[in-house]
C-alpha atoms as a PDB file:
ATOM      1  CA  MET A   1      -0.080   2.661  -3.560  1.00  0.00           C
ATOM      2  CA  LYS A   2       2.339   2.279  -6.479  1.00  0.00           C
ATOM      3  CA  ALA A   3       0.108   4.425  -8.721  1.00  0.00           C
ATOM      4  CA  LEU A   4      -0.026   7.207  -6.129  1.00  0.00           C
ATOM      5  CA  GLU A   5       3.758   7.159  -5.810  1.00  0.00           C
ATOM      6  CA  GLN A   6       4.059   7.440  -9.597  1.00  0.00           C
ATOM      7  CA  ILE A   7       1.652  10.395  -9.617  1.00  0.00           C
ATOM      8  CA  ILE A   8       3.662  12.148  -6.897  1.00  0.00           C
ATOM      9  CA  GLU A   9       6.905  11.549  -8.809  1.00  0.00           C
ATOM     10  CA  ARG A  10       5.416  12.869 -12.082  1.00  0.00           C
ATOM     11  CA  VAL A  11       4.140  16.059 -10.448  1.00  0.00           C
ATOM     12  CA  ALA A  12       7.387  16.638  -8.544  1.00  0.00           C
ATOM     13  CA  ALA A  13       9.417  16.186 -11.732  1.00  0.00           C
ATOM     14  CA  ASN A  14       7.266  18.670 -13.689  1.00  0.00           C
ATOM     15  CA  ARG A  15       6.772  21.488 -11.197  1.00  0.00           C
ATOM     16  CA  ALA A  16       5.907  24.091 -13.858  1.00  0.00           C
ATOM     17  CA  GLN A  17       3.145  21.977 -15.383  1.00  0.00           C
ATOM     18  CA  PRO A  18      -0.530  22.105 -14.322  1.00  0.00           C
ATOM     19  CA  PHE A  19      -2.471  18.846 -14.151  1.00  0.00           C
ATOM     20  CA  ALA A  20      -5.937  17.552 -13.371  1.00  0.00           C
ATOM     21  CA  LEU A  21      -6.439  15.091 -10.544  1.00  0.00           C
ATOM     22  CA  ALA A  22      -9.223  12.499 -10.745  1.00  0.00           C
ATOM     23  CA  THR A  23     -10.354  10.875  -7.488  1.00  0.00           C
ATOM     24  CA  LEU A  24     -12.748   7.958  -7.177  1.00  0.00           C
ATOM     25  CA  VAL A  25     -15.027   9.217  -4.404  1.00  0.00           C
ATOM     26  CA  GLN A  26     -18.008   6.846  -4.387  1.00  0.00           C
ATOM     27  CA  THR A  27     -18.812   3.355  -5.633  1.00  0.00           C
ATOM     28  CA  GLU A  28     -21.793   1.032  -5.691  1.00  0.00           C
ATOM     29  CA  GLY A  29     -21.812  -2.609  -6.679  1.00  0.00           C
ATOM     30  CA  SER A  30     -18.804  -4.220  -8.351  1.00  0.00           C
ATOM     31  CA  THR A  31     -16.052  -1.788  -9.373  1.00  0.00           C
ATOM     32  CA  TYR A  32     -12.423  -2.248 -10.384  1.00  0.00           C
ATOM     33  CA  ARG A  33     -11.034   0.192  -7.780  1.00  0.00           C
ATOM     34  CA  LYS A  34     -12.148   1.407  -4.357  1.00  0.00           C
ATOM     35  CA  PRO A  35     -12.810   5.005  -3.234  1.00  0.00           C
ATOM     36  CA  GLY A  36      -9.560   6.865  -2.775  1.00  0.00           C
ATOM     37  CA  ALA A  37      -7.958   5.648  -6.005  1.00  0.00           C
ATOM     38  CA  ARG A  38      -6.482   8.514  -8.019  1.00  0.00           C
ATOM     39  CA  LEU A  39      -5.461   9.259 -11.581  1.00  0.00           C
ATOM     40  CA  LEU A  40      -3.423  12.129 -13.015  1.00  0.00           C
ATOM     41  CA  VAL A  41      -4.321  13.867 -16.291  1.00  0.00           C
ATOM     42  CA  GLU A  42      -1.789  15.871 -18.284  1.00  0.00           C
ATOM     43  CA  ALA A  43      -2.553  18.852 -20.506  1.00  0.00           C
ATOM     44  CA  ASN A  44      -2.681  16.632 -23.604  1.00  0.00           C
ATOM     45  CA  GLY A  45      -5.185  14.242 -22.010  1.00  0.00           C
ATOM     46  CA  ALA A  46      -2.637  11.519 -21.232  1.00  0.00           C
ATOM     47  CA  THR A  47      -3.360   9.735 -17.951  1.00  0.00           C
ATOM     48  CA  LEU A  48      -1.285   8.127 -15.224  1.00  0.00           C
ATOM     49  CA  GLY A  49      -3.014   5.692 -12.892  1.00  0.00           C
ATOM     50  CA  VAL A  50      -6.025   3.408 -13.141  1.00  0.00           C
ATOM     51  CA  LEU A  51      -9.608   3.971 -11.977  1.00  0.00           C
ATOM     52  CA  SER A  52     -11.255   1.209 -13.999  1.00  0.00           C
ATOM     53  CA  GLY A  53     -10.328  -1.860 -15.984  1.00  0.00           C
ATOM     54  CA  GLY A  54      -9.233   0.449 -18.807  1.00  0.00           C
ATOM     55  CA  CYS A  55     -12.695   1.387 -20.033  1.00  0.00           C
ATOM     56  CA  LEU A  56     -13.023   4.871 -18.493  1.00  0.00           C
ATOM     57  CA  GLU A  57      -9.534   6.372 -18.524  1.00  0.00           C
ATOM     58  CA  GLU A  58      -9.756   7.863 -22.023  1.00  0.00           C
ATOM     59  CA  GLU A  59     -12.987   9.684 -21.206  1.00  0.00           C
ATOM     60  CA  ILE A  60     -11.591  10.889 -17.878  1.00  0.00           C
ATOM     61  CA  GLY A  61      -8.598  12.201 -19.808  1.00  0.00           C
ATOM     62  CA  ARG A  62     -10.877  14.251 -22.081  1.00  0.00           C
ATOM     63  CA  TYR A  63     -12.630  15.811 -19.101  1.00  0.00           C
ATOM     64  CA  GLY A  64      -9.269  16.376 -17.454  1.00  0.00           C
ATOM     65  CA  ARG A  65      -8.095  18.501 -20.397  1.00  0.00           C
ATOM     66  CA  ARG A  66     -11.160  20.707 -19.993  1.00  0.00           C
ATOM     67  CA  VAL A  67     -10.577  21.042 -16.255  1.00  0.00           C
ATOM     68  CA  ILE A  68      -6.962  22.119 -16.838  1.00  0.00           C
ATOM     69  CA  ASN A  69      -8.095  24.700 -19.406  1.00  0.00           C
ATOM     70  CA  ASP A  70     -11.001  26.273 -17.508  1.00  0.00           C
ATOM     71  CA  GLY A  71      -9.884  25.613 -13.913  1.00  0.00           C
ATOM     72  CA  SER A  72     -13.270  24.249 -12.769  1.00  0.00           C
ATOM     73  CA  ALA A  73     -13.739  20.862 -11.109  1.00  0.00           C
ATOM     74  CA  VAL A  74     -16.354  18.452 -12.438  1.00  0.00           C
ATOM     75  CA  LEU A  75     -18.064  15.383 -10.954  1.00  0.00           C
ATOM     76  CA  LEU A  76     -18.421  12.456 -13.347  1.00  0.00           C
ATOM     77  CA  SER A  77     -20.900   9.616 -12.830  1.00  0.00           C
ATOM     78  CA  PHE A  78     -20.582   6.281 -14.605  1.00  0.00           C
ATOM     79  CA  ASP A  79     -22.918   3.298 -14.694  1.00  0.00           C
ATOM     80  CA  THR A  80     -20.656   0.505 -15.882  1.00  0.00           C
ATOM     81  CA  ARG A  81     -23.540  -1.980 -16.145  1.00  0.00           C
ATOM     82  CA  ARG A  82     -24.845  -0.373 -19.309  1.00  0.00           C
ATOM     83  CA  LEU A  83     -21.700  -0.338 -21.409  1.00  0.00           C
ATOM     84  CA  TYR A  84     -19.105  -2.476 -19.713  1.00  0.00           C
ATOM     85  CA  GLY A  85     -20.920  -5.234 -17.861  1.00  0.00           C
ATOM     86  CA  CYS A  86     -19.109  -4.581 -14.554  1.00  0.00           C
ATOM     87  CA  ASP A  87     -22.326  -4.272 -12.540  1.00  0.00           C
ATOM     88  CA  GLY A  88     -21.311  -1.107 -10.736  1.00  0.00           C
ATOM     89  CA  ARG A  89     -21.716   2.638 -10.421  1.00  0.00           C
ATOM     90  CA  LEU A  90     -19.034   5.130  -9.549  1.00  0.00           C
ATOM     91  CA  LYS A  91     -18.471   8.837  -9.087  1.00  0.00           C
ATOM     92  CA  ILE A  92     -15.178  10.497  -9.954  1.00  0.00           C
ATOM     93  CA  LEU A  93     -14.203  14.053  -9.113  1.00  0.00           C
ATOM     94  CA  VAL A  94     -11.852  15.673 -11.625  1.00  0.00           C
ATOM     95  CA  GLU A  95     -10.259  18.826 -10.213  1.00  0.00           C
ATOM     96  CA  PRO A  96      -7.477  21.174 -11.292  1.00  0.00           C
ATOM     97  CA  LEU A  97      -4.057  20.562  -9.771  1.00  0.00           C
ATOM     98  CA  PRO A  98      -2.048  23.789 -10.072  1.00  0.00           C
ATOM     99  CA  ALA A  99       1.606  23.669 -11.025  1.00  0.00           C
ATOM    100  CA  ALA A 100       3.706  22.834  -7.978  1.00  0.00           C
ATOM    101  CA  GLY A 101       6.267  25.550  -8.580  1.00  0.00           C
ATOM    102  CA  GLN A 102       8.484  26.323  -5.596  1.00  0.00           C
ATOM    103  CA  LYS A 103       5.714  26.239  -2.977  1.00  0.00           C
ATOM    104  CA  GLY A 104       4.335  22.836  -3.968  1.00  0.00           C
ATOM    105  CA  ASN A 105       0.763  21.594  -4.333  1.00  0.00           C
ATOM    106  CA  LEU A 106      -1.478  18.873  -2.930  1.00  0.00           C
ATOM    107  CA  MET A 107       0.482  15.982  -4.443  1.00  0.00           C
ATOM    108  CA  THR A 108       3.951  17.212  -3.529  1.00  0.00           C
ATOM    109  CA  GLU A 109       2.759  17.808   0.045  1.00  0.00           C
ATOM    110  CA  VAL A 110       1.303  14.289   0.157  1.00  0.00           C
ATOM    111  CA  GLY A 111       4.661  12.990  -1.047  1.00  0.00           C
ATOM    112  CA  ARG A 112       6.472  14.873   1.706  1.00  0.00           C
ATOM    113  CA  LEU A 113       4.215  13.491   4.434  1.00  0.00           C
ATOM    114  CA  LEU A 114       4.426   9.907   3.178  1.00  0.00           C
ATOM    115  CA  ALA A 115       8.216  10.124   2.913  1.00  0.00           C
ATOM    116  CA  GLN A 116       8.275  11.148   6.591  1.00  0.00           C
ATOM    117  CA  ARG A 117       5.814   8.324   7.342  1.00  0.00           C
ATOM    118  CA  ASP A 118       3.373  10.840   8.795  1.00  0.00           C
ATOM    119  CA  ILE A 119      -0.425  10.586   8.875  1.00  0.00           C
ATOM    120  CA  CYS A 120      -1.867  11.930   5.636  1.00  0.00           C
ATOM    121  CA  ARG A 121      -5.612  12.579   5.349  1.00  0.00           C
ATOM    122  CA  ILE A 122      -7.321  14.154   2.349  1.00  0.00           C
ATOM    123  CA  ARG A 123     -10.803  15.690   2.472  1.00  0.00           C
ATOM    124  CA  THR A 124     -12.540  15.736  -0.912  1.00  0.00           C
ATOM    125  CA  CYS A 125     -15.802  17.617  -1.406  1.00  0.00           C
ATOM    126  CA  PHE A 126     -17.630  16.301  -4.464  1.00  0.00           C
ATOM    127  CA  GLU A 127     -21.186  17.503  -3.799  1.00  0.00           C
ATOM    128  CA  GLY A 128     -22.913  20.265  -1.831  1.00  0.00           C
ATOM    129  CA  GLY A 129     -20.023  22.727  -1.608  1.00  0.00           C
ATOM    130  CA  PRO A 130     -16.908  24.027  -3.365  1.00  0.00           C
ATOM    131  CA  LEU A 131     -15.545  21.006  -5.212  1.00  0.00           C
ATOM    132  CA  GLY A 132     -11.991  19.965  -4.495  1.00  0.00           C
ATOM    133  CA  SER A 133      -9.496  18.283  -2.192  1.00  0.00           C
ATOM    134  CA  GLU A 134      -7.439  19.529   0.735  1.00  0.00           C
ATOM    135  CA  LEU A 135      -5.083  18.079   3.320  1.00  0.00           C
ATOM    136  CA  LEU A 136      -6.409  17.808   6.863  1.00  0.00           C
ATOM    137  CA  PRO A 137      -4.294  18.473   9.956  1.00  0.00           C
ATOM    138  CA  PRO A 138      -3.508  15.186  11.756  1.00  0.00           C
ATOM    139  CA  ASP A 139      -5.246  16.232  14.970  1.00  0.00           C
ATOM    140  CA  ILE A 140      -8.574  17.399  13.541  1.00  0.00           C
ATOM    141  CA  LEU A 141     -11.665  15.179  13.825  1.00  0.00           C
ATOM    142  CA  LEU A 142     -14.309  15.431  11.110  1.00  0.00           C
ATOM    143  CA  ALA A 143     -17.318  13.211  10.513  1.00  0.00           C
ATOM    144  CA  GLU A 144     -18.034  12.199   6.951  1.00  0.00           C
ATOM    145  CA  ARG A 145     -21.262  13.543   5.502  1.00  0.00           C
ATOM    146  CA  PRO A 146     -22.969  13.167   2.124  1.00  0.00           C
ATOM    147  CA  GLY A 147     -20.827  14.722  -0.567  1.00  0.00           C
ATOM    148  CA  ILE A 148     -17.632  14.584   1.522  1.00  0.00           C
ATOM    149  CA  PHE A 149     -15.034  11.824   1.229  1.00  0.00           C
ATOM    150  CA  ILE A 150     -12.231  11.644   3.798  1.00  0.00           C
ATOM    151  CA  ASN A 151      -9.354   9.395   2.807  1.00  0.00           C
ATOM    152  CA  THR A 152      -6.528   8.376   5.149  1.00  0.00           C
ATOM    153  CA  LEU A 153      -3.699   7.301   2.893  1.00  0.00           C
ATOM    154  CA  PRO A 154      -1.935   4.081   3.887  1.00  0.00           C
ATOM    155  CA  LEU A 155       1.797   4.332   4.355  1.00  0.00           C
ATOM    156  CA  PRO A 156       3.896   2.460   1.794  1.00  0.00           C
ATOM    157  CA  VAL A 157       4.876  -0.986   3.040  1.00  0.00           C
ATOM    158  CA  ARG A 158       8.388  -0.875   4.476  1.00  0.00           C
ATOM    159  CA  LEU A 159      10.174  -4.224   4.243  1.00  0.00           C
ATOM    160  CA  LEU A 160      13.240  -4.846   6.407  1.00  0.00           C
ATOM    161  CA  LEU A 161      15.422  -7.526   4.786  1.00  0.00           C
ATOM    162  CA  PHE A 162      18.052  -9.184   6.959  1.00  0.00           C
ATOM    163  CA  GLY A 163      20.607 -11.383   5.255  1.00  0.00           C
ATOM    164  CA  THR A 164      22.057 -12.391   1.936  1.00  0.00           C
ATOM    165  CA  GLY A 165      21.364 -15.076  -0.611  1.00  0.00           C
ATOM    166  CA  PRO A 166      19.784 -15.707  -4.002  1.00  0.00           C
ATOM    167  CA  GLU A 167      16.303 -14.759  -2.774  1.00  0.00           C
ATOM    168  CA  ILE A 168      17.284 -11.138  -2.061  1.00  0.00           C
ATOM    169  CA  GLU A 169      17.248  -9.896  -5.670  1.00  0.00           C
ATOM    170  CA  PRO A 170      13.826 -11.287  -6.693  1.00  0.00           C
ATOM    171  CA  LEU A 171      12.352 -10.170  -3.370  1.00  0.00           C
ATOM    172  CA  THR A 172      13.685  -6.652  -3.887  1.00  0.00           C
ATOM    173  CA  GLN A 173      12.377  -6.533  -7.449  1.00  0.00           C
ATOM    174  CA  LEU A 174       8.923  -7.781  -6.511  1.00  0.00           C
ATOM    175  CA  ALA A 175       8.688  -5.386  -3.575  1.00  0.00           C
ATOM    176  CA  GLY A 176       9.794  -2.499  -5.786  1.00  0.00           C
ATOM    177  CA  ASN A 177       7.151  -3.336  -8.383  1.00  0.00           C
ATOM    178  CA  LEU A 178       4.556  -3.129  -5.604  1.00  0.00           C
ATOM    179  CA  GLY A 179       5.794   0.272  -4.495  1.00  0.00           C
ATOM    180  CA  TRP A 180       7.226  -1.037  -1.226  1.00  0.00           C
ATOM    181  CA  LEU A 181      10.242   0.515   0.449  1.00  0.00           C
ATOM    182  CA  VAL A 182      13.018  -2.020   0.993  1.00  0.00           C
ATOM    183  CA  GLU A 183      15.749  -1.579   3.605  1.00  0.00           C
ATOM    184  CA  HIS A 184      18.443  -4.230   3.336  1.00  0.00           C
ATOM    185  CA  PHE A 185      20.705  -5.108   6.266  1.00  0.00           C
ATOM    186  CA  GLY A 186      23.706  -7.376   5.841  1.00  0.00           C
ATOM    187  CA  HIS A 187      23.966  -7.733   9.623  1.00  0.00           C
ATOM    188  CA  PRO A 188      21.306  -7.204  12.345  1.00  0.00           C
ATOM    189  CA  SER A 189      23.532  -4.597  14.036  1.00  0.00           C
ATOM    190  CA  GLU A 190      23.004  -2.296  11.048  1.00  0.00           C
ATOM    191  CA  LEU A 191      19.440  -1.534  12.195  1.00  0.00           C
ATOM    192  CA  GLY A 192      19.791   1.721  14.111  1.00  0.00           C
ATOM    193  CA  GLU A 193      19.040   1.892  17.818  1.00  0.00           C
ATOM    194  CA  HIS A 194      16.543   4.697  17.261  1.00  0.00           C
ATOM    195  CA  PHE A 195      14.547   2.858  14.592  1.00  0.00           C
ATOM    196  CA  ARG A 196      10.781   3.141  15.082  1.00  0.00           C
ATOM    197  CA  PRO A 197       8.422   0.788  13.190  1.00  0.00           C
ATOM    198  CA  ASP A 198       4.799   1.413  12.242  1.00  0.00           C
ATOM    199  CA  ALA A 199       1.801  -0.679  11.188  1.00  0.00           C
ATOM    200  CA  GLN A 200       3.081  -0.941   7.613  1.00  0.00           C
ATOM    201  CA  THR A 201       6.523  -2.261   8.565  1.00  0.00           C
ATOM    202  CA  ALA A 202       7.316  -5.926   7.906  1.00  0.00           C
ATOM    203  CA  ALA A 203      10.567  -7.837   8.335  1.00  0.00           C
ATOM    204  CA  LEU A 204      12.140 -10.894   6.766  1.00  0.00           C
ATOM    205  CA  VAL A 205      15.052 -12.766   8.358  1.00  0.00           C
ATOM    206  CA  MET A 206      17.073 -14.809   5.885  1.00  0.00           C
ATOM    207  CA  ASN A 207      20.707 -14.686   6.992  1.00  0.00           C
ATOM    208  CA  HIS A 208      21.352 -18.411   6.375  1.00  0.00           C
ATOM    209  CA  ASN A 209      23.307 -18.137   9.628  1.00  0.00           C
ATOM    210  CA  PHE A 210      21.955 -19.289  13.001  1.00  0.00           C
ATOM    211  CA  GLY A 211      23.733 -16.625  15.049  1.00  0.00           C
ATOM    212  CA  ARG A 212      22.689 -13.739  12.832  1.00  0.00           C
ATOM    213  CA  ASP A 213      19.114 -15.003  12.640  1.00  0.00           C
ATOM    214  CA  LEU A 214      19.110 -15.137  16.448  1.00  0.00           C
ATOM    215  CA  LEU A 215      20.382 -11.552  16.688  1.00  0.00           C
ATOM    216  CA  ALA A 216      17.819 -10.340  14.148  1.00  0.00           C
ATOM    217  CA  LEU A 217      14.909 -11.982  15.983  1.00  0.00           C
ATOM    218  CA  ASP A 218      16.166 -10.634  19.297  1.00  0.00           C
ATOM    219  CA  ARG A 219      15.962  -7.132  17.813  1.00  0.00           C
ATOM    220  CA  LEU A 220      12.708  -7.530  15.901  1.00  0.00           C
ATOM    221  CA  LEU A 221      10.321  -9.417  18.189  1.00  0.00           C
ATOM    222  CA  PRO A 222      10.063  -6.634  20.813  1.00  0.00           C
ATOM    223  CA  PHE A 223       8.738  -4.328  18.063  1.00  0.00           C
ATOM    224  CA  ARG A 224       5.611  -6.541  17.778  1.00  0.00           C
ATOM    225  CA  LEU A 225       5.483  -6.108  14.011  1.00  0.00           C
ATOM    226  CA  ARG A 226       2.461  -7.503  12.207  1.00  0.00           C
ATOM    227  CA  TYR A 227       4.778  -9.664  10.101  1.00  0.00           C
ATOM    228  CA  VAL A 228       8.207 -11.161  10.781  1.00  0.00           C
ATOM    229  CA  GLY A 229       9.165 -13.882   8.321  1.00  0.00           C
ATOM    230  CA  LEU A 230      11.903 -16.441   8.893  1.00  0.00           C
ATOM    231  CA  LEU A 231      13.421 -18.533   6.137  1.00  0.00           C
ATOM    232  CA  GLY A 232      14.107 -22.167   6.906  1.00  0.00           C
ATOM    233  CA  PRO A 233      12.339 -25.280   8.217  1.00  0.00           C
ATOM    234  CA  LYS A 234      10.115 -25.444  11.307  1.00  0.00           C
ATOM    235  CA  ARG A 235      12.765 -27.322  13.265  1.00  0.00           C
ATOM    236  CA  ARG A 236      15.175 -24.400  12.905  1.00  0.00           C
ATOM    237  CA  HIS A 237      12.448 -21.957  13.936  1.00  0.00           C
ATOM    238  CA  THR A 238      11.870 -23.993  17.108  1.00  0.00           C
ATOM    239  CA  GLU A 239      15.586 -24.091  17.888  1.00  0.00           C
ATOM    240  CA  LEU A 240      15.934 -20.328  17.428  1.00  0.00           C
ATOM    241  CA  LEU A 241      13.035 -19.523  19.753  1.00  0.00           C
ATOM    242  CA  ALA A 242      14.324 -21.988  22.340  1.00  0.00           C
ATOM    243  CA  ARG A 243      17.765 -20.370  22.290  1.00  0.00           C
ATOM    244  CA  LEU A 244      16.260 -16.885  22.361  1.00  0.00           C
ATOM    245  CA  SER A 245      14.148 -17.769  25.403  1.00  0.00           C
ATOM    246  CA  GLU A 246      17.375 -18.456  27.284  1.00  0.00           C
ATOM    247  CA  TYR A 247      18.275 -14.781  27.006  1.00  0.00           C
ATOM    248  CA  ARG A 248      14.922 -13.020  27.302  1.00  0.00           C
ATOM    249  CA  PRO A 249      11.343 -13.968  28.264  1.00  0.00           C
ATOM    250  CA  LEU A 250       9.296 -14.453  25.109  1.00  0.00           C
ATOM    251  CA  ASP A 251       5.736 -13.128  24.951  1.00  0.00           C
ATOM    252  CA  PHE A 252       4.171 -15.515  22.451  1.00  0.00           C
ATOM    253  CA  ASN A 253       0.913 -13.568  22.588  1.00  0.00           C
ATOM    254  CA  ALA A 254       2.677 -10.462  21.358  1.00  0.00           C
ATOM    255  CA  GLY A 255       5.840 -10.487  19.248  1.00  0.00           C
ATOM    256  CA  ALA A 256       6.321 -14.193  18.608  1.00  0.00           C
ATOM    257  CA  LYS A 257       2.737 -14.850  17.493  1.00  0.00           C
ATOM    258  CA  ASN A 258       3.395 -12.812  14.336  1.00  0.00           C
ATOM    259  CA  LEU A 259       6.462 -14.847  13.439  1.00  0.00           C
ATOM    260  CA  PHE A 260       5.853 -16.649  10.142  1.00  0.00           C
ATOM    261  CA  ALA A 261       8.192 -19.591   9.831  1.00  0.00           C
ATOM    262  CA  PRO A 262       8.712 -21.005   7.333  1.00  0.00           C
ATOM    263  CA  ALA A 263       7.941 -17.709   5.564  1.00  0.00           C
ATOM    264  CA  GLY A 264       5.679 -17.710   2.528  1.00  0.00           C
ATOM    265  CA  LEU A 265       2.454 -19.082   1.126  1.00  0.00           C
ATOM    266  CA  ASP A 266       2.212 -22.719   0.091  1.00  0.00           C
ATOM    267  CA  ILE A 267       2.461 -22.401  -3.706  1.00  0.00           C
ATOM    268  CA  GLY A 268       5.079 -25.092  -4.302  1.00  0.00           C
ATOM    269  CA  SER A 269       8.030 -22.672  -4.378  1.00  0.00           C
ATOM    270  CA  GLU A 270      11.528 -23.986  -5.119  1.00  0.00           C
ATOM    271  CA  ALA A 271      13.459 -21.440  -7.196  1.00  0.00           C
ATOM    272  CA  PRO A 272      14.480 -18.084  -5.627  1.00  0.00           C
ATOM    273  CA  GLU A 273      11.966 -16.213  -7.798  1.00  0.00           C
ATOM    274  CA  GLU A 274       9.158 -18.512  -6.664  1.00  0.00           C
ATOM    275  CA  ILE A 275      10.208 -18.144  -3.035  1.00  0.00           C
ATOM    276  CA  GLY A 276      10.191 -14.364  -3.461  1.00  0.00           C
ATOM    277  CA  LEU A 277       6.670 -14.481  -4.912  1.00  0.00           C
ATOM    278  CA  SER A 278       5.487 -16.724  -2.087  1.00  0.00           C
ATOM    279  CA  ILE A 279       6.870 -14.447   0.621  1.00  0.00           C
ATOM    280  CA  THR A 280       5.753 -11.106  -0.852  1.00  0.00           C
ATOM    281  CA  SER A 281       2.266 -12.567  -1.321  1.00  0.00           C
ATOM    282  CA  GLU A 282       2.164 -13.668   2.317  1.00  0.00           C
ATOM    283  CA  ILE A 283       3.300 -10.244   3.523  1.00  0.00           C
ATOM    284  CA  ALA A 284       0.650  -8.530   1.390  1.00  0.00           C
ATOM    285  CA  ALA A 285      -2.029 -10.875   2.748  1.00  0.00           C
ATOM    286  CA  VAL A 286      -1.048 -10.336   6.392  1.00  0.00           C
ATOM    287  CA  LEU A 287      -0.872  -6.544   6.105  1.00  0.00           C
ATOM    288  CA  SER A 288      -4.271  -6.573   4.371  1.00  0.00           C
ATOM    289  CA  ASP A 289      -5.799  -8.812   7.076  1.00  0.00           C
ATOM    290  CA  ARG A 290      -6.378 -11.584   4.562  1.00  0.00           C
ATOM    291  CA  ALA A 291      -5.808 -15.323   4.783  1.00  0.00           C
ATOM    292  CA  GLY A 292      -4.201 -15.695   1.361  1.00  0.00           C
ATOM    293  CA  GLY A 293      -6.608 -18.368   0.092  1.00  0.00           C
ATOM    294  CA  PHE A 294      -8.351 -18.857  -3.235  1.00  0.00           C
ATOM    295  CA  LEU A 295     -10.634 -15.973  -4.270  1.00  0.00           C
ATOM    296  CA  ARG A 296     -13.181 -18.436  -5.641  1.00  0.00           C
ATOM    297  CA  GLU A 297     -13.691 -19.738  -2.095  1.00  0.00           C
ATOM    298  CA  ARG A 298     -14.257 -16.287  -0.577  1.00  0.00           C
ATOM    299  CA  LYS A 299     -17.848 -15.902   0.631  1.00  0.00           C
ATOM    300  CA  SER A 300     -17.976 -12.086   0.700  1.00  0.00           C
ATOM    301  CA  ASP A 301     -16.981  -9.273  -1.668  1.00  0.00           C
ATOM    302  CA  ILE A 302     -13.352  -9.744  -2.730  1.00  0.00           C
ATOM    303  CA  HIS A 303     -12.635  -6.061  -2.051  1.00  0.00           C
ATOM    304  CA  ARG A 304     -14.045  -6.106   1.476  1.00  0.00           C
ATOM    305  CA  THR A 305     -11.505  -6.299   4.283  1.00  0.00           C
ATOM    306  CA  ALA A 306     -11.936  -9.291   6.559  1.00  0.00           C
ATOM    307  CA  PRO A 307      -9.692 -10.631   9.319  1.00  0.00           C
ATOM    308  CA  ALA A 308      -7.323 -13.353   8.220  1.00  0.00           C
ATOM    309  CA  GLY A 309      -8.908 -16.730   8.755  1.00  0.00           C
ATOM    310  CA  ALA A 310     -12.448 -15.373   8.792  1.00  0.00           C
ATOM    311  CA  GLU A 311     -13.369 -16.928   5.466  1.00  0.00           C
ATOM    312  CA  ALA A 312     -14.569 -20.511   5.365  1.00  0.00           C
ATOM    313  CA  ALA A 313     -12.283 -22.896   3.549  1.00  0.00           C
END
């Protein structure tokens, strides 16, 4: 997601400049990225984004220069087993991306929709028809067919941080490096009454104050977020839920079941930076439906989505 945000920013900042857009549309075997990954090519062949482990970007840049010059899209096929030992095949569509100008283009429109946290679907035809990508209306239903790739872009993770303390800065930096949106609240009352969460919204409560933690949980649990983290020991977590249950009935099968307390993965964290790494890793795992274990113990493809806890230990 971070690479896509960088591409959108580059295009928006250079509205008079044409680009080429490379989209990974099909993979087979082991590949570095999954379909839907994108890369931007500038007129001089420079690239922004990653579609491989660094072995294909230069060649994609050369094709991108041609696409910018002649305005015709091209489908590239790579067999990485022969030259790079990655044991995979992939197809990449490189298409012209006209200058955004005042009316905008595909990438600036994608940026607008994501900023509004709206559904954003892109239909890319790479075989059997006019090659190129277009935005789909949110209410249209289309079945994928050979030569057509439909990509629903995930919303950027939005992290709600409640509290103060030494962990805030490293958490904010780590989240920013991942392309997450961070909203920091010094007091739970600062979260607006009309706030509406979505599936990519997570929250972390770390006020270091029992009353404020209680207020934050009282506001957050009814949202039934996929992740609500709480800093502090298990005993404090139990006390907070017990006190909260005095004021409202708690549905432990809904909101409270997604309360992670103590927050973070078990990586031996002590310093604020380590705690920040532990918590951001746990949030990423939960929102990706992963258990956060060792990759060497995973029984299936490491890029395949599986429900958290589905892998054998």
